Amino acid sequence: MVEHKRCRWANPKNPVYVAYHDNEWGKPSYDDDYLFEMLLLESFQAGLSWECVLNKREAFRIAFDDFDYKKIAKYSQAKQDELARNTGIIRNRLKIKAAINNAGIFMKIQDEYRSFSDYIWSFTGGKQIIHRDGVMRPTTPLSDTISKDLQKRGMKFVGSTIIYAYLQAIGVVDDHEPDCDFEK
C-alpha cells in the first residue's frame, strides 16, 4: 500500500476525514445539490471542528432528507423539534432554523442566477483560486465579500470564516499544501 502525503489537517487515523480530503476537498463542484449539502454542513460547523461535522455527515443526510433543499425550506415546527431531538446530528436550534432559512434563500439565488453554482462561481469569474504557499487562511477578501452578500440576502451562519471553509470544500479555492500528493 502506497502511503500518501496529505495536508497536515487531514487526520490520518480517521478514514472519513482522509476520504474527504482525498476525494472532495479542493475539487471544483458545480452541482447545486452538493453545493447545498456542503453549505448546510459548513453552517453547522460554526464553533465546532469540521471533523466533528464530517463524522456526523451520514446522520445529517438522513435527518435532512438527503439534503433536499426544496423539502428543507418547507420544514414545519414539528420537523424542527424532531431534528432538535436527533442525537446523531448537532442539535443547535439556531443552526436548524438557519438551515431551513438558508434553503429558501438558496432557491431564490437559483432563480436569480439560473443556479447556485453560477452565483458562487461568478465571484471568481468561473476560475478556481489556487494557493500553494501552505498558509492556513481563516478568511480572505473573497470570503468577506461572499459572506456579506449572503448575509444581505438573509442567510445565517455564513460568516467569512465559514464561507472560506465552504469555498475550500467546494473547490472554488484549492489550498492543498505544497507537498500534498492531492494538490492537483
N, C-alpha and C. Protein backbone atom coordinates (compact mmCIF):
# COMPACT_ATOMS: atom_id res chain seq x y z
N MET A 1 0.84 -1.18 0.00
CA MET A 1 0.00 0.00 0.00
C MET A 1 0.88 1.25 0.00
N VAL A 2 0.61 2.17 -0.90
CA VAL A 2 1.37 3.41 -1.01
C VAL A 2 0.89 4.39 0.06
N GLU A 3 1.82 4.96 0.77
CA GLU A 3 1.48 5.98 1.78
C GLU A 3 1.54 7.35 1.13
N HIS A 4 0.42 8.04 1.13
CA HIS A 4 0.34 9.36 0.51
C HIS A 4 0.65 10.46 1.52
N LYS A 5 1.23 11.53 1.01
CA LYS A 5 1.40 12.74 1.81
C LYS A 5 0.11 13.55 1.67
N ARG A 6 -0.41 13.99 2.80
CA ARG A 6 -1.64 14.77 2.81
C ARG A 6 -1.41 16.09 3.55
N CYS A 7 -2.36 16.98 3.41
CA CYS A 7 -2.33 18.21 4.19
C CYS A 7 -2.32 17.86 5.67
N ARG A 8 -1.65 18.68 6.44
CA ARG A 8 -1.49 18.38 7.87
C ARG A 8 -2.81 18.23 8.62
N TRP A 9 -3.86 18.92 8.20
CA TRP A 9 -5.13 18.89 8.92
C TRP A 9 -5.87 17.57 8.76
N ALA A 10 -5.56 16.80 7.73
CA ALA A 10 -6.29 15.55 7.45
C ALA A 10 -5.85 14.46 8.42
N ASN A 11 -6.63 14.24 9.45
CA ASN A 11 -6.32 13.26 10.48
C ASN A 11 -6.16 11.87 9.87
N PRO A 12 -4.96 11.32 9.81
CA PRO A 12 -4.74 10.03 9.15
C PRO A 12 -5.41 8.86 9.88
N LYS A 13 -5.85 9.07 11.11
CA LYS A 13 -6.50 7.99 11.87
C LYS A 13 -8.01 7.94 11.65
N ASN A 14 -8.54 8.90 10.89
CA ASN A 14 -9.97 8.96 10.64
C ASN A 14 -10.23 8.71 9.15
N PRO A 15 -10.68 7.51 8.78
CA PRO A 15 -10.88 7.20 7.36
C PRO A 15 -11.90 8.11 6.67
N VAL A 16 -12.89 8.60 7.41
CA VAL A 16 -13.88 9.52 6.84
C VAL A 16 -13.19 10.83 6.45
N TYR A 17 -12.35 11.30 7.32
CA TYR A 17 -11.62 12.55 7.08
C TYR A 17 -10.63 12.40 5.92
N VAL A 18 -9.92 11.29 5.89
CA VAL A 18 -8.96 11.03 4.82
C VAL A 18 -9.67 10.96 3.47
N ALA A 19 -10.80 10.24 3.42
CA ALA A 19 -11.55 10.12 2.16
C ALA A 19 -12.05 11.49 1.71
N TYR A 20 -12.51 12.30 2.66
CA TYR A 20 -12.97 13.65 2.32
C TYR A 20 -11.81 14.47 1.73
N HIS A 21 -10.67 14.44 2.40
CA HIS A 21 -9.50 15.17 1.90
C HIS A 21 -9.11 14.69 0.51
N ASP A 22 -9.04 13.38 0.32
CA ASP A 22 -8.53 12.81 -0.92
C ASP A 22 -9.49 12.97 -2.10
N ASN A 23 -10.80 12.94 -1.83
CA ASN A 23 -11.77 12.85 -2.92
C ASN A 23 -12.66 14.07 -3.12
N GLU A 24 -12.71 14.97 -2.12
CA GLU A 24 -13.64 16.09 -2.25
C GLU A 24 -12.98 17.45 -2.08
N TRP A 25 -12.24 17.63 -1.01
CA TRP A 25 -11.76 18.95 -0.63
C TRP A 25 -10.90 19.57 -1.72
N GLY A 26 -11.27 20.75 -2.13
CA GLY A 26 -10.50 21.47 -3.14
C GLY A 26 -10.81 21.10 -4.57
N LYS A 27 -11.72 20.14 -4.77
CA LYS A 27 -12.10 19.75 -6.13
C LYS A 27 -13.32 20.58 -6.57
N PRO A 28 -13.22 21.25 -7.70
CA PRO A 28 -14.32 22.12 -8.13
C PRO A 28 -15.63 21.35 -8.30
N SER A 29 -16.70 21.91 -7.73
CA SER A 29 -18.03 21.34 -7.88
C SER A 29 -18.96 22.40 -8.45
N TYR A 30 -19.84 21.94 -9.32
CA TYR A 30 -20.81 22.82 -9.96
C TYR A 30 -22.23 22.29 -9.77
N ASP A 31 -22.36 21.27 -8.95
CA ASP A 31 -23.63 20.59 -8.72
C ASP A 31 -24.37 21.25 -7.55
N ASP A 32 -25.52 21.84 -7.81
CA ASP A 32 -26.24 22.56 -6.77
C ASP A 32 -26.61 21.69 -5.58
N ASP A 33 -26.91 20.43 -5.80
CA ASP A 33 -27.24 19.54 -4.68
C ASP A 33 -26.04 19.42 -3.73
N TYR A 34 -24.88 19.19 -4.29
CA TYR A 34 -23.66 19.10 -3.47
C TYR A 34 -23.33 20.45 -2.84
N LEU A 35 -23.50 21.52 -3.59
CA LEU A 35 -23.20 22.85 -3.06
C LEU A 35 -24.07 23.16 -1.85
N PHE A 36 -25.35 22.74 -1.90
CA PHE A 36 -26.21 22.97 -0.75
C PHE A 36 -25.81 22.07 0.42
N GLU A 37 -25.53 20.82 0.13
CA GLU A 37 -25.10 19.90 1.19
C GLU A 37 -23.93 20.48 1.96
N MET A 38 -22.94 20.94 1.26
CA MET A 38 -21.75 21.48 1.92
C MET A 38 -22.06 22.79 2.65
N LEU A 39 -22.94 23.60 2.09
CA LEU A 39 -23.33 24.85 2.77
C LEU A 39 -24.03 24.53 4.08
N LEU A 40 -24.94 23.56 4.07
CA LEU A 40 -25.62 23.17 5.29
C LEU A 40 -24.62 22.64 6.32
N LEU A 41 -23.76 21.73 5.89
CA LEU A 41 -22.78 21.15 6.82
C LEU A 41 -21.84 22.21 7.37
N GLU A 42 -21.35 23.09 6.52
CA GLU A 42 -20.43 24.14 6.98
C GLU A 42 -21.12 25.06 7.98
N SER A 43 -22.41 25.33 7.78
CA SER A 43 -23.11 26.21 8.72
C SER A 43 -23.23 25.56 10.10
N PHE A 44 -23.28 24.25 10.15
CA PHE A 44 -23.32 23.55 11.44
C PHE A 44 -21.93 23.48 12.08
N GLN A 45 -20.90 23.76 11.32
CA GLN A 45 -19.54 23.72 11.85
C GLN A 45 -19.26 24.89 12.79
N ALA A 46 -19.96 25.98 12.63
CA ALA A 46 -19.67 27.19 13.41
C ALA A 46 -19.44 26.85 14.89
N GLY A 47 -18.24 27.15 15.37
CA GLY A 47 -17.88 26.89 16.76
C GLY A 47 -17.43 25.47 17.04
N LEU A 48 -17.41 24.63 16.04
CA LEU A 48 -17.03 23.22 16.20
C LEU A 48 -15.93 22.88 15.20
N SER A 49 -15.43 21.67 15.27
CA SER A 49 -14.43 21.23 14.28
C SER A 49 -15.13 20.63 13.06
N TRP A 50 -14.48 20.77 11.91
CA TRP A 50 -15.01 20.17 10.69
C TRP A 50 -15.04 18.65 10.83
N GLU A 51 -14.07 18.09 11.50
CA GLU A 51 -14.04 16.64 11.69
C GLU A 51 -15.28 16.17 12.44
N CYS A 52 -15.70 16.92 13.43
CA CYS A 52 -16.92 16.58 14.19
C CYS A 52 -18.13 16.54 13.25
N VAL A 53 -18.28 17.56 12.42
CA VAL A 53 -19.41 17.63 11.50
C VAL A 53 -19.31 16.50 10.47
N LEU A 54 -18.14 16.30 9.91
CA LEU A 54 -17.95 15.28 8.89
C LEU A 54 -18.28 13.88 9.42
N ASN A 55 -17.93 13.63 10.68
CA ASN A 55 -18.24 12.34 11.28
C ASN A 55 -19.75 12.11 11.41
N LYS A 56 -20.53 13.18 11.41
CA LYS A 56 -21.98 13.10 11.53
C LYS A 56 -22.70 13.27 10.18
N ARG A 57 -21.94 13.33 9.12
CA ARG A 57 -22.49 13.64 7.80
C ARG A 57 -23.62 12.70 7.39
N GLU A 58 -23.45 11.42 7.59
CA GLU A 58 -24.50 10.48 7.17
C GLU A 58 -25.74 10.62 8.02
N ALA A 59 -25.58 10.92 9.30
CA ALA A 59 -26.75 11.18 10.16
C ALA A 59 -27.46 12.45 9.70
N PHE A 60 -26.69 13.47 9.31
CA PHE A 60 -27.28 14.68 8.74
C PHE A 60 -28.03 14.36 7.46
N ARG A 61 -27.45 13.52 6.63
CA ARG A 61 -28.08 13.15 5.35
C ARG A 61 -29.47 12.55 5.58
N ILE A 62 -29.54 11.65 6.55
CA ILE A 62 -30.83 11.02 6.86
C ILE A 62 -31.78 12.03 7.49
N ALA A 63 -31.31 12.77 8.47
CA ALA A 63 -32.16 13.71 9.20
C ALA A 63 -32.69 14.83 8.30
N PHE A 64 -31.88 15.27 7.36
CA PHE A 64 -32.24 16.38 6.48
C PHE A 64 -32.63 15.91 5.08
N ASP A 65 -33.32 14.78 4.99
CA ASP A 65 -33.91 14.31 3.73
C ASP A 65 -32.93 14.36 2.57
N ASP A 66 -31.76 13.78 2.77
CA ASP A 66 -30.74 13.71 1.72
C ASP A 66 -30.34 15.11 1.21
N PHE A 67 -30.40 16.09 2.12
CA PHE A 67 -30.02 17.47 1.83
C PHE A 67 -30.88 18.09 0.71
N ASP A 68 -32.12 17.65 0.62
CA ASP A 68 -33.05 18.17 -0.39
C ASP A 68 -33.54 19.56 0.05
N TYR A 69 -32.95 20.59 -0.51
CA TYR A 69 -33.25 21.95 -0.07
C TYR A 69 -34.70 22.34 -0.32
N LYS A 70 -35.35 21.74 -1.32
CA LYS A 70 -36.76 22.04 -1.57
C LYS A 70 -37.63 21.54 -0.42
N LYS A 71 -37.29 20.39 0.13
CA LYS A 71 -38.02 19.87 1.29
C LYS A 71 -37.64 20.64 2.54
N ILE A 72 -36.36 20.89 2.71
CA ILE A 72 -35.87 21.56 3.92
C ILE A 72 -36.50 22.94 4.08
N ALA A 73 -36.65 23.66 2.99
CA ALA A 73 -37.23 25.01 3.04
C ALA A 73 -38.65 25.00 3.59
N LYS A 74 -39.32 23.85 3.54
CA LYS A 74 -40.72 23.74 3.98
C LYS A 74 -40.86 23.04 5.33
N TYR A 75 -39.77 22.80 6.03
CA TYR A 75 -39.86 22.09 7.31
C TYR A 75 -40.78 22.81 8.29
N SER A 76 -41.62 22.02 8.93
CA SER A 76 -42.56 22.52 9.93
C SER A 76 -41.86 22.64 11.29
N GLN A 77 -42.58 23.22 12.24
CA GLN A 77 -42.07 23.29 13.61
C GLN A 77 -41.88 21.89 14.17
N ALA A 78 -42.79 20.98 13.83
CA ALA A 78 -42.68 19.59 14.31
C ALA A 78 -41.39 18.95 13.80
N LYS A 79 -41.04 19.20 12.55
CA LYS A 79 -39.80 18.66 11.98
C LYS A 79 -38.59 19.29 12.67
N GLN A 80 -38.67 20.58 12.95
CA GLN A 80 -37.57 21.24 13.66
C GLN A 80 -37.39 20.64 15.04
N ASP A 81 -38.49 20.37 15.72
CA ASP A 81 -38.42 19.75 17.05
C ASP A 81 -37.82 18.35 16.96
N GLU A 82 -38.19 17.62 15.92
CA GLU A 82 -37.63 16.28 15.70
C GLU A 82 -36.11 16.35 15.50
N LEU A 83 -35.68 17.32 14.70
CA LEU A 83 -34.24 17.49 14.47
C LEU A 83 -33.52 17.86 15.76
N ALA A 84 -34.14 18.68 16.58
CA ALA A 84 -33.53 19.11 17.83
C ALA A 84 -33.39 17.96 18.83
N ARG A 85 -34.13 16.88 18.62
CA ARG A 85 -34.03 15.70 19.48
C ARG A 85 -33.11 14.62 18.89
N ASN A 86 -32.66 14.81 17.68
CA ASN A 86 -31.87 13.79 16.98
C ASN A 86 -30.43 13.80 17.49
N THR A 87 -30.06 12.77 18.23
CA THR A 87 -28.72 12.72 18.83
C THR A 87 -27.62 12.44 17.81
N GLY A 88 -27.98 12.09 16.59
CA GLY A 88 -26.97 11.81 15.57
C GLY A 88 -26.40 13.06 14.91
N ILE A 89 -27.09 14.19 15.09
CA ILE A 89 -26.64 15.43 14.46
C ILE A 89 -26.30 16.46 15.55
N ILE A 90 -25.89 17.62 15.12
CA ILE A 90 -25.67 18.74 16.03
C ILE A 90 -27.04 19.38 16.23
N ARG A 91 -27.51 19.42 17.47
CA ARG A 91 -28.90 19.77 17.76
C ARG A 91 -29.10 21.22 18.15
N ASN A 92 -28.35 22.10 17.58
CA ASN A 92 -28.46 23.51 17.85
C ASN A 92 -29.69 24.08 17.12
N ARG A 93 -30.66 24.55 17.88
CA ARG A 93 -31.92 25.04 17.28
C ARG A 93 -31.70 26.23 16.33
N LEU A 94 -30.76 27.11 16.67
CA LEU A 94 -30.49 28.25 15.78
C LEU A 94 -29.92 27.77 14.44
N LYS A 95 -29.06 26.77 14.48
CA LYS A 95 -28.49 26.25 13.25
C LYS A 95 -29.53 25.48 12.44
N ILE A 96 -30.43 24.80 13.12
CA ILE A 96 -31.53 24.10 12.42
C ILE A 96 -32.42 25.12 11.72
N LYS A 97 -32.79 26.18 12.42
CA LYS A 97 -33.61 27.24 11.81
C LYS A 97 -32.86 27.88 10.64
N ALA A 98 -31.55 28.08 10.81
CA ALA A 98 -30.75 28.68 9.74
C ALA A 98 -30.74 27.78 8.51
N ALA A 99 -30.64 26.47 8.70
CA ALA A 99 -30.63 25.54 7.56
C ALA A 99 -31.92 25.68 6.76
N ILE A 100 -33.03 25.81 7.44
CA ILE A 100 -34.34 25.95 6.77
C ILE A 100 -34.40 27.29 6.05
N ASN A 101 -34.03 28.34 6.75
CA ASN A 101 -34.00 29.67 6.16
C ASN A 101 -33.07 29.71 4.95
N ASN A 102 -31.88 29.15 5.11
CA ASN A 102 -30.88 29.20 4.03
C ASN A 102 -31.33 28.41 2.81
N ALA A 103 -32.10 27.33 3.03
CA ALA A 103 -32.61 26.56 1.89
C ALA A 103 -33.51 27.42 1.01
N GLY A 104 -34.37 28.21 1.65
CA GLY A 104 -35.24 29.10 0.88
C GLY A 104 -34.47 30.16 0.12
N ILE A 105 -33.46 30.73 0.75
CA ILE A 105 -32.65 31.75 0.10
C ILE A 105 -31.80 31.14 -1.01
N PHE A 106 -31.32 29.93 -0.79
CA PHE A 106 -30.58 29.19 -1.82
C PHE A 106 -31.42 29.11 -3.10
N MET A 107 -32.71 28.78 -2.95
CA MET A 107 -33.58 28.67 -4.12
C MET A 107 -33.84 30.03 -4.77
N LYS A 108 -33.93 31.08 -3.97
CA LYS A 108 -34.09 32.42 -4.54
C LYS A 108 -32.86 32.79 -5.36
N ILE A 109 -31.68 32.45 -4.86
CA ILE A 109 -30.44 32.70 -5.62
C ILE A 109 -30.44 31.90 -6.91
N GLN A 110 -30.91 30.66 -6.85
CA GLN A 110 -31.03 29.86 -8.08
C GLN A 110 -31.92 30.55 -9.09
N ASP A 111 -33.04 31.07 -8.63
CA ASP A 111 -33.96 31.76 -9.54
C ASP A 111 -33.30 32.98 -10.17
N GLU A 112 -32.52 33.69 -9.38
CA GLU A 112 -31.88 34.90 -9.88
C GLU A 112 -30.72 34.61 -10.82
N TYR A 113 -29.94 33.55 -10.53
CA TYR A 113 -28.72 33.28 -11.28
C TYR A 113 -28.79 32.06 -12.19
N ARG A 114 -29.92 31.40 -12.25
CA ARG A 114 -30.10 30.16 -13.01
C ARG A 114 -29.67 28.94 -12.21
N SER A 115 -28.64 29.09 -11.39
CA SER A 115 -28.20 28.02 -10.49
C SER A 115 -27.38 28.67 -9.37
N PHE A 116 -27.29 27.97 -8.25
CA PHE A 116 -26.42 28.47 -7.18
C PHE A 116 -24.97 28.40 -7.63
N SER A 117 -24.65 27.39 -8.42
CA SER A 117 -23.30 27.26 -8.95
C SER A 117 -22.89 28.50 -9.74
N ASP A 118 -23.79 28.97 -10.61
CA ASP A 118 -23.48 30.18 -11.38
C ASP A 118 -23.23 31.36 -10.45
N TYR A 119 -24.03 31.44 -9.38
CA TYR A 119 -23.85 32.51 -8.41
C TYR A 119 -22.49 32.42 -7.73
N ILE A 120 -22.18 31.29 -7.13
CA ILE A 120 -20.96 31.18 -6.32
C ILE A 120 -19.70 31.31 -7.17
N TRP A 121 -19.73 30.74 -8.38
CA TRP A 121 -18.56 30.82 -9.25
C TRP A 121 -18.42 32.19 -9.92
N SER A 122 -19.49 32.99 -9.91
CA SER A 122 -19.41 34.33 -10.51
C SER A 122 -18.43 35.23 -9.77
N PHE A 123 -18.21 34.94 -8.50
CA PHE A 123 -17.31 35.78 -7.71
C PHE A 123 -15.84 35.64 -8.14
N THR A 124 -15.52 34.56 -8.84
CA THR A 124 -14.14 34.37 -9.32
C THR A 124 -14.08 34.31 -10.85
N GLY A 125 -15.15 34.71 -11.49
CA GLY A 125 -15.19 34.64 -12.95
C GLY A 125 -15.11 33.21 -13.46
N GLY A 126 -15.56 32.26 -12.63
CA GLY A 126 -15.55 30.84 -13.02
C GLY A 126 -14.20 30.16 -12.86
N LYS A 127 -13.24 30.86 -12.29
CA LYS A 127 -11.89 30.30 -12.15
C LYS A 127 -11.63 29.87 -10.71
N GLN A 128 -10.92 28.75 -10.58
CA GLN A 128 -10.52 28.27 -9.27
C GLN A 128 -9.33 29.08 -8.77
N ILE A 129 -9.33 29.41 -7.50
CA ILE A 129 -8.20 30.10 -6.87
C ILE A 129 -7.33 29.03 -6.22
N ILE A 130 -6.07 29.02 -6.58
CA ILE A 130 -5.15 28.00 -6.06
C ILE A 130 -4.06 28.68 -5.25
N HIS A 131 -3.92 28.21 -4.02
CA HIS A 131 -2.83 28.66 -3.15
C HIS A 131 -1.91 27.47 -2.91
N ARG A 132 -0.63 27.66 -3.08
CA ARG A 132 0.35 26.60 -2.81
C ARG A 132 1.44 27.08 -1.86
N ASP A 133 1.07 28.01 -0.99
CA ASP A 133 2.06 28.57 -0.08
C ASP A 133 2.01 27.95 1.31
N GLY A 134 1.07 27.04 1.55
CA GLY A 134 0.98 26.38 2.85
C GLY A 134 0.42 27.25 3.96
N VAL A 135 -0.05 28.44 3.64
CA VAL A 135 -0.62 29.35 4.64
C VAL A 135 -2.06 28.92 4.94
N MET A 136 -2.37 28.78 6.22
CA MET A 136 -3.73 28.45 6.64
C MET A 136 -4.50 29.75 6.86
N ARG A 137 -5.34 30.11 5.92
CA ARG A 137 -6.09 31.36 6.00
C ARG A 137 -7.46 31.11 6.64
N PRO A 138 -7.85 31.93 7.59
CA PRO A 138 -9.20 31.78 8.12
C PRO A 138 -10.24 32.49 7.25
N THR A 139 -9.82 33.57 6.60
CA THR A 139 -10.71 34.34 5.73
C THR A 139 -9.86 34.98 4.63
N THR A 140 -10.53 35.49 3.63
CA THR A 140 -9.88 36.27 2.57
C THR A 140 -10.85 37.37 2.15
N PRO A 141 -10.40 38.33 1.38
CA PRO A 141 -11.34 39.33 0.86
C PRO A 141 -12.50 38.68 0.07
N LEU A 142 -12.23 37.57 -0.62
CA LEU A 142 -13.28 36.87 -1.35
C LEU A 142 -14.33 36.32 -0.38
N SER A 143 -13.90 35.65 0.68
CA SER A 143 -14.88 35.11 1.63
C SER A 143 -15.62 36.24 2.34
N ASP A 144 -14.94 37.35 2.59
CA ASP A 144 -15.61 38.51 3.18
C ASP A 144 -16.75 38.99 2.27
N THR A 145 -16.45 39.11 0.98
CA THR A 145 -17.43 39.62 0.00
C THR A 145 -18.63 38.69 -0.11
N ILE A 146 -18.36 37.39 -0.24
CA ILE A 146 -19.46 36.43 -0.39
C ILE A 146 -20.28 36.35 0.89
N SER A 147 -19.61 36.34 2.02
CA SER A 147 -20.30 36.31 3.31
C SER A 147 -21.25 37.50 3.43
N LYS A 148 -20.76 38.67 3.14
CA LYS A 148 -21.60 39.88 3.23
C LYS A 148 -22.78 39.79 2.28
N ASP A 149 -22.56 39.28 1.08
CA ASP A 149 -23.65 39.18 0.12
C ASP A 149 -24.71 38.18 0.61
N LEU A 150 -24.27 37.03 1.10
CA LEU A 150 -25.23 36.03 1.59
C LEU A 150 -25.98 36.55 2.81
N GLN A 151 -25.29 37.25 3.69
CA GLN A 151 -25.95 37.83 4.86
C GLN A 151 -26.97 38.89 4.45
N LYS A 152 -26.60 39.70 3.46
CA LYS A 152 -27.51 40.73 2.95
C LYS A 152 -28.78 40.08 2.39
N ARG A 153 -28.63 38.90 1.82
CA ARG A 153 -29.77 38.17 1.27
C ARG A 153 -30.58 37.46 2.36
N GLY A 154 -30.03 37.43 3.58
CA GLY A 154 -30.77 36.85 4.71
C GLY A 154 -30.26 35.52 5.23
N MET A 155 -29.17 34.99 4.67
CA MET A 155 -28.64 33.73 5.17
C MET A 155 -28.01 33.93 6.54
N LYS A 156 -28.03 32.85 7.32
CA LYS A 156 -27.47 32.85 8.68
C LYS A 156 -26.34 31.82 8.76
N PHE A 157 -25.44 32.02 9.74
CA PHE A 157 -24.29 31.14 9.95
C PHE A 157 -23.44 31.05 8.68
N VAL A 158 -23.23 32.20 8.07
CA VAL A 158 -22.41 32.28 6.86
C VAL A 158 -21.37 33.40 7.00
N GLY A 159 -20.74 33.45 8.18
CA GLY A 159 -19.67 34.41 8.39
C GLY A 159 -18.49 34.11 7.48
N SER A 160 -17.56 35.01 7.41
CA SER A 160 -16.44 34.89 6.48
C SER A 160 -15.61 33.63 6.70
N THR A 161 -15.39 33.23 7.95
CA THR A 161 -14.61 32.02 8.22
C THR A 161 -15.34 30.78 7.70
N ILE A 162 -16.64 30.70 7.95
CA ILE A 162 -17.44 29.57 7.46
C ILE A 162 -17.44 29.57 5.94
N ILE A 163 -17.60 30.73 5.34
CA ILE A 163 -17.63 30.80 3.87
C ILE A 163 -16.27 30.44 3.28
N TYR A 164 -15.19 30.83 3.92
CA TYR A 164 -13.89 30.42 3.37
C TYR A 164 -13.74 28.90 3.40
N ALA A 165 -14.13 28.29 4.51
CA ALA A 165 -14.10 26.82 4.60
C ALA A 165 -15.01 26.21 3.53
N TYR A 166 -16.14 26.84 3.29
CA TYR A 166 -17.08 26.37 2.26
C TYR A 166 -16.43 26.45 0.87
N LEU A 167 -15.78 27.55 0.57
CA LEU A 167 -15.12 27.71 -0.73
C LEU A 167 -14.05 26.65 -0.94
N GLN A 168 -13.35 26.29 0.13
CA GLN A 168 -12.37 25.20 0.05
C GLN A 168 -13.08 23.88 -0.19
N ALA A 169 -14.17 23.64 0.53
CA ALA A 169 -14.89 22.38 0.43
C ALA A 169 -15.41 22.13 -0.99
N ILE A 170 -15.89 23.19 -1.64
CA ILE A 170 -16.50 23.03 -2.97
C ILE A 170 -15.52 23.30 -4.10
N GLY A 171 -14.28 23.59 -3.76
CA GLY A 171 -13.24 23.72 -4.79
C GLY A 171 -13.15 25.05 -5.48
N VAL A 172 -13.87 26.06 -5.02
CA VAL A 172 -13.65 27.40 -5.57
C VAL A 172 -12.23 27.83 -5.20
N VAL A 173 -11.81 27.38 -4.02
CA VAL A 173 -10.44 27.61 -3.56
C VAL A 173 -9.78 26.25 -3.33
N ASP A 174 -8.57 26.11 -3.80
CA ASP A 174 -7.78 24.90 -3.57
C ASP A 174 -6.56 25.29 -2.76
N ASP A 175 -6.57 24.88 -1.49
CA ASP A 175 -5.50 25.23 -0.57
C ASP A 175 -4.66 24.04 -0.16
N HIS A 176 -4.60 22.99 -0.98
CA HIS A 176 -3.75 21.86 -0.61
C HIS A 176 -2.31 22.37 -0.40
N GLU A 177 -1.66 21.81 0.59
CA GLU A 177 -0.31 22.23 0.91
C GLU A 177 0.66 21.80 -0.20
N PRO A 178 1.77 22.51 -0.34
CA PRO A 178 2.69 22.27 -1.46
C PRO A 178 3.18 20.83 -1.59
N ASP A 179 3.37 20.14 -0.47
CA ASP A 179 3.89 18.76 -0.55
C ASP A 179 2.78 17.70 -0.50
N CYS A 180 1.53 18.13 -0.58
CA CYS A 180 0.41 17.20 -0.55
C CYS A 180 0.30 16.48 -1.90
N ASP A 181 0.14 15.16 -1.87
CA ASP A 181 0.01 14.38 -3.10
C ASP A 181 -1.29 14.64 -3.83
N PHE A 182 -2.24 15.32 -3.18
CA PHE A 182 -3.56 15.56 -3.76
C PHE A 182 -3.74 17.00 -4.20
N GLU A 183 -2.65 17.69 -4.42
CA GLU A 183 -2.69 19.12 -4.73
C GLU A 183 -3.15 19.43 -6.14
N LYS A 184 -3.50 18.43 -6.93
CA LYS A 184 -3.98 18.71 -8.29
C LYS A 184 -5.38 18.21 -8.46
